Amino acid sequence: MLGLGLEETLLQYLRAVGWSITAAVGFAFGVGIALKVFDWLSTEIDEWEEIKKGNMGVALIFISLIVMVGLLVYKVI
């Protein structure tokens, strides 16, 4: 057997593109929800204003939150 035929190969490519789109949509919703929940839980501080002022601590918290949501979405999908 020489490998997959053209139809099977195209089906595999289509399936890969579909999963890529699913992962992108899942990641976008996951990050949006996580940032909104984090914003609701931290009522004492305006994170976006602190990031504009150059507060690297708050920026690192946001970065770690986005990376963790990305890892969770990756594991689920």
Protein backbone atom coordinates (compact mmCIF):
# COMPACT_ATOMS: atom_id res chain seq x y z
CA MET A 1 0.00 0.00 0.00
CA LEU A 2 1.43 3.35 -1.02
CA GLY A 3 -0.46 5.47 1.51
CA LEU A 4 -3.70 7.35 1.59
CA GLY A 5 -5.55 8.24 -1.55
CA LEU A 6 -6.27 11.79 -2.58
CA GLU A 7 -9.77 11.78 -1.11
CA GLU A 8 -8.60 10.45 2.24
CA THR A 9 -5.78 13.00 2.36
CA LEU A 10 -8.16 15.88 1.62
CA LEU A 11 -10.54 14.60 4.29
CA GLN A 12 -7.69 14.55 6.82
CA TYR A 13 -6.73 18.13 5.89
CA LEU A 14 -10.34 19.25 6.22
CA ARG A 15 -10.62 17.58 9.61
CA ALA A 16 -7.40 19.28 10.78
CA VAL A 17 -8.64 22.70 9.64
CA GLY A 18 -11.95 22.10 11.42
CA TRP A 19 -10.20 21.26 14.68
CA SER A 20 -7.96 24.31 14.31
CA ILE A 21 -10.99 26.58 13.95
CA THR A 22 -12.65 24.87 16.92
CA ALA A 23 -9.54 25.42 19.03
CA ALA A 24 -9.31 29.09 18.02
CA VAL A 25 -12.95 29.75 18.90
CA GLY A 26 -12.64 27.85 22.18
CA PHE A 27 -9.50 29.76 23.11
CA ALA A 28 -11.11 33.11 22.29
CA PHE A 29 -14.17 32.40 24.42
CA GLY A 30 -12.08 30.89 27.22
CA VAL A 31 -9.76 33.87 27.48
CA GLY A 32 -12.63 36.34 27.31
CA ILE A 33 -14.57 34.60 30.05
CA ALA A 34 -11.49 34.13 32.25
CA LEU A 35 -10.51 37.80 32.02
CA LYS A 36 -14.07 38.91 32.77
CA VAL A 37 -14.30 36.62 35.82
CA PHE A 38 -10.89 37.80 37.03
CA ASP A 39 -12.06 41.40 36.61
CA TRP A 40 -15.19 40.68 38.66
CA LEU A 41 -13.21 38.98 41.45
CA SER A 42 -10.67 41.77 41.83
CA THR A 43 -12.87 44.77 42.61
CA GLU A 44 -10.19 46.69 44.51
CA ILE A 45 -7.97 47.40 41.50
CA ASP A 46 -8.48 48.57 37.93
CA GLU A 47 -6.18 46.16 36.10
CA TRP A 48 -6.33 47.86 32.72
CA GLU A 49 -5.41 51.23 34.21
CA GLU A 50 -2.49 49.64 36.07
CA ILE A 51 -1.25 48.03 32.85
CA LYS A 52 -1.46 51.40 31.08
CA LYS A 53 0.66 52.88 33.90
CA GLY A 54 3.30 50.22 33.28
CA ASN A 55 2.63 47.94 36.26
CA MET A 56 4.40 44.76 35.15
CA GLY A 57 3.02 42.68 38.04
CA VAL A 58 -0.56 43.04 36.83
CA ALA A 59 0.52 42.41 33.24
CA LEU A 60 2.28 39.19 34.30
CA ILE A 61 -0.86 38.02 36.10
CA PHE A 62 -2.87 38.58 32.92
CA ILE A 63 -0.26 36.79 30.82
CA SER A 64 -0.26 33.79 33.14
CA LEU A 65 -4.06 33.72 33.10
CA ILE A 66 -4.12 33.70 29.30
CA VAL A 67 -1.46 30.97 29.10
CA MET A 68 -3.31 28.76 31.60
CA VAL A 69 -6.61 29.13 29.75
CA GLY A 70 -4.78 28.26 26.53
CA LEU A 71 -3.36 25.11 28.10
CA LEU A 72 -6.77 24.09 29.40
CA VAL A 73 -8.43 24.65 26.03
CA TYR A 74 -5.62 22.69 24.37
CA LYS A 75 -6.13 19.74 26.71
CA VAL A 76 -9.91 19.76 26.28
CA ILE A 77 -9.87 19.98 22.51
